[in-house]
């Protein structure tokens, strides 16, 4: 089952098309996890372990097991559930150790966003690119201050890029932004609570 369906996009500049290719969700997630680890003072080994546990291993399992799951007749939803279970285990480990802030709130929010993508893609092809980038930009501004607010320009550029590539409609791209905003609100709530 394909999660994205190609749609004819509007004709925009090649730069708009190029934009979503240079900022895939996995890269944005990796930058956020590394930044959270550095901010928490985990050191190089801790940051690498965090990156491997939260981004690399779940991503490799999700992308690398597609053929295996399909050959055995296992639905894609089980693969997504396995990744969610791994991320949940990462969240639990972050709180039990305890890993310094902002790592637990960040990892918890990423789990929330991932579950949101899986849930909402049943009805609407919500843009993961837009969702992850929205969360990432807002996370950077909240963590490093208003001097980083210039990054907000990336959000409409990503929306235009995804629509121009025909990967999403405007509604789907804007739904991705809404999910990213909800993920960020969840991050703030968890950070306040912990």
Protein backbone atom coordinates (compact mmCIF):
# COMPACT_ATOMS: atom_id res chain seq x y z
CA UNK A 1 0.00 0.00 0.00
CA UNK A 2 1.45 3.34 -1.05
CA UNK A 3 1.06 6.17 1.45
CA UNK A 4 1.53 8.96 -1.06
CA UNK A 5 -0.37 9.25 -4.26
CA UNK A 6 1.03 11.41 -7.03
CA UNK A 7 -1.15 14.34 -7.97
CA UNK A 8 -0.53 16.92 -10.66
CA UNK A 9 1.06 19.90 -8.93
CA UNK A 10 1.13 23.53 -9.80
CA UNK A 11 4.15 24.72 -11.75
CA UNK A 12 6.56 26.46 -9.42
CA UNK A 13 10.24 27.15 -9.66
CA UNK A 14 12.70 24.25 -9.48
CA UNK A 15 13.83 25.68 -6.11
CA UNK A 16 10.41 24.92 -4.62
CA UNK A 17 10.66 21.33 -5.79
CA UNK A 18 14.23 21.03 -4.55
CA UNK A 19 13.30 22.30 -1.09
CA UNK A 20 11.49 19.20 0.15
CA UNK A 21 14.27 17.01 -1.16
CA UNK A 22 16.93 18.74 0.95
CA UNK A 23 14.81 18.68 4.13
CA UNK A 24 13.35 15.18 4.40
CA UNK A 25 11.63 14.35 7.71
CA UNK A 26 14.39 11.96 8.80
CA UNK A 27 17.02 14.70 8.47
CA UNK A 28 14.91 17.18 10.45
CA UNK A 29 14.29 14.54 13.13
CA UNK A 30 17.99 13.72 13.31
CA UNK A 31 18.91 17.39 13.75
CA UNK A 32 16.31 17.80 16.51
CA UNK A 33 17.42 14.70 18.39
CA UNK A 34 21.09 15.69 18.16
CA UNK A 35 20.25 19.24 19.29
CA UNK A 36 18.17 17.92 22.20
CA UNK A 37 21.02 15.62 23.24
CA UNK A 38 23.57 18.43 23.07
CA UNK A 39 21.24 20.76 24.96
CA UNK A 40 20.83 18.08 27.66
CA UNK A 41 24.61 17.73 27.94
CA UNK A 42 24.69 14.06 26.98
CA UNK A 43 28.14 14.18 25.37
CA UNK A 44 29.07 12.62 22.01
CA UNK A 45 28.40 9.00 23.01
CA UNK A 46 25.06 9.87 24.62
CA UNK A 47 23.99 11.90 21.60
CA UNK A 48 24.91 9.06 19.24
CA UNK A 49 23.03 6.52 21.37
CA UNK A 50 20.02 8.81 21.47
CA UNK A 51 20.15 9.33 17.70
CA UNK A 52 20.46 5.58 17.08
CA UNK A 53 17.63 4.70 19.48
CA UNK A 54 15.16 7.36 18.40
CA UNK A 55 15.83 7.91 14.69
CA UNK A 56 18.21 5.38 13.11
CA UNK A 57 16.94 2.04 14.45
CA UNK A 58 13.18 2.82 14.20
CA UNK A 59 13.72 4.37 10.74
CA UNK A 60 15.76 1.41 9.52
CA UNK A 61 13.13 -1.01 10.80
CA UNK A 62 10.32 0.95 9.18
CA UNK A 63 12.04 1.37 5.81
CA UNK A 64 14.03 -1.87 5.81
CA UNK A 65 11.30 -4.34 6.74
CA UNK A 66 8.70 -3.28 4.19
CA UNK A 67 9.50 -6.14 1.78
CA UNK A 68 9.79 -8.72 4.56
CA UNK A 69 6.42 -7.76 6.04
CA UNK A 70 4.73 -7.79 2.62
CA UNK A 71 6.21 -11.16 1.63
CA UNK A 72 4.82 -12.65 4.83
CA UNK A 73 1.43 -10.98 4.32
CA UNK A 74 1.78 -8.74 7.37
CA UNK A 75 -0.04 -5.40 6.95
CA UNK A 76 1.94 -2.14 6.93
CA UNK A 77 0.05 -1.04 10.02
CA UNK A 78 1.95 -3.67 12.03
CA UNK A 79 5.24 -2.20 10.85
CA UNK A 80 4.10 1.24 11.99
CA UNK A 81 2.95 -0.25 15.30
CA UNK A 82 6.38 -1.85 15.78
CA UNK A 83 8.09 1.50 15.24
CA UNK A 84 5.65 3.18 17.64
CA UNK A 85 6.39 0.48 20.25
CA UNK A 86 10.13 1.10 19.85
CA UNK A 87 9.61 4.84 20.22
CA UNK A 88 7.44 4.26 23.30
CA UNK A 89 10.24 2.15 24.79
CA UNK A 90 12.62 5.05 24.09
CA UNK A 91 10.28 7.46 25.87
CA UNK A 92 10.07 5.18 28.90
CA UNK A 93 13.86 4.80 29.02
CA UNK A 94 14.30 8.60 28.83
CA UNK A 95 12.00 9.12 31.82
CA UNK A 96 13.33 6.19 33.87
CA UNK A 97 17.05 7.00 33.57
CA UNK A 98 16.23 10.13 33.87
CA UNK A 99 17.70 11.80 30.81
CA UNK A 100 18.01 15.59 31.27
CA UNK A 101 15.62 18.04 29.62
CA UNK A 102 14.71 18.65 26.78
CA UNK A 103 15.25 15.03 25.65
CA UNK A 104 12.26 13.33 27.35
CA UNK A 105 9.78 15.96 26.18
CA UNK A 106 11.26 15.94 22.68
CA UNK A 107 11.16 12.16 22.33
CA UNK A 108 7.63 12.03 23.75
CA UNK A 109 6.47 14.69 21.29
CA UNK A 110 8.07 12.79 18.40
CA UNK A 111 6.13 9.70 19.43
CA UNK A 112 2.94 11.77 19.58
CA UNK A 113 3.63 13.18 16.09
CA UNK A 114 4.39 9.73 14.67
CA UNK A 115 1.18 8.27 16.09
CA UNK A 116 -0.69 11.31 14.76
CA UNK A 117 0.68 10.74 11.26
CA UNK A 118 -0.29 7.07 11.33
CA UNK A 119 -3.77 7.87 12.68
CA UNK A 120 -4.61 10.79 10.37
CA UNK A 121 -3.24 9.15 7.23
CA UNK A 122 -6.18 6.76 7.38
CA UNK A 123 -8.44 9.62 6.21
CA UNK A 124 -6.10 12.25 4.83
CA UNK A 125 -2.61 12.01 3.36
CA UNK A 126 -1.15 14.39 5.97
CA UNK A 127 2.28 15.70 4.95
CA UNK A 128 5.04 14.30 7.16
CA UNK A 129 7.48 16.80 5.62
CA UNK A 130 5.36 19.75 6.72
CA UNK A 131 4.45 18.23 10.09
CA UNK A 132 8.01 17.40 11.12
CA UNK A 133 9.42 20.70 9.85
CA UNK A 134 6.71 22.69 11.68
CA UNK A 135 7.51 20.91 14.93
CA UNK A 136 11.25 21.29 14.32
CA UNK A 137 11.16 25.01 13.65
CA UNK A 138 8.95 25.71 16.66
CA UNK A 139 11.15 23.45 18.84
CA UNK A 140 14.29 25.38 17.82
CA UNK A 141 12.63 28.73 18.55
CA UNK A 142 11.38 27.52 21.96
CA UNK A 143 14.76 26.02 22.85
CA UNK A 144 17.18 28.61 21.48
CA UNK A 145 15.12 31.79 21.54
CA UNK A 146 13.37 34.28 19.28
CA UNK A 147 16.56 34.98 17.31
CA UNK A 148 15.71 31.77 15.43
CA UNK A 149 12.23 33.00 14.39
CA UNK A 150 13.54 33.60 10.86
CA UNK A 151 13.27 29.82 10.40
CA UNK A 152 9.48 30.25 10.19
CA UNK A 153 9.96 31.13 6.50
CA UNK A 154 10.75 27.45 5.92
CA UNK A 155 7.16 26.42 6.67
CA UNK A 156 5.35 28.09 3.73
CA UNK A 157 8.25 27.07 1.48
CA UNK A 158 7.78 23.42 2.45
CA UNK A 159 4.01 23.64 1.94
CA UNK A 160 4.56 25.10 -1.55
CA UNK A 161 7.19 22.49 -2.29
CA UNK A 162 5.01 19.51 -1.34
CA UNK A 163 2.07 20.86 -3.33
CA UNK A 164 4.21 21.72 -6.37
CA UNK A 165 5.65 18.20 -6.39
CA UNK A 166 2.11 16.83 -6.43
CA UNK A 167 2.73 14.82 -3.28
CA UNK A 168 -0.02 16.61 -1.34
CA UNK A 169 -2.94 18.92 -1.83
CA UNK A 170 -2.99 22.26 -0.01
CA UNK A 171 -5.39 20.76 2.50
CA UNK A 172 -3.05 17.85 3.22
CA UNK A 173 -0.03 20.14 3.56
CA UNK A 174 -1.91 22.49 5.88
CA UNK A 175 -3.09 19.48 7.88
CA UNK A 176 0.58 18.56 8.26
CA UNK A 177 1.25 22.04 9.65
CA UNK A 178 -1.64 21.62 12.09
CA UNK A 179 -0.27 18.26 13.25
CA UNK A 180 3.20 19.80 13.68
CA UNK A 181 1.66 22.59 15.75
CA UNK A 182 -0.23 20.05 17.88
CA UNK A 183 2.99 18.06 18.34
CA UNK A 184 4.75 21.21 19.50
CA UNK A 185 1.93 21.99 21.94
CA UNK A 186 2.29 18.45 23.26
CA UNK A 187 6.06 19.02 23.64
CA UNK A 188 5.40 22.19 25.68
CA UNK A 189 2.89 20.37 27.87
CA UNK A 190 5.27 17.48 28.57
CA UNK A 191 8.18 19.85 29.22
CA UNK A 192 6.06 21.84 31.67
CA UNK A 193 4.78 18.69 33.38
CA UNK A 194 8.23 17.13 33.75
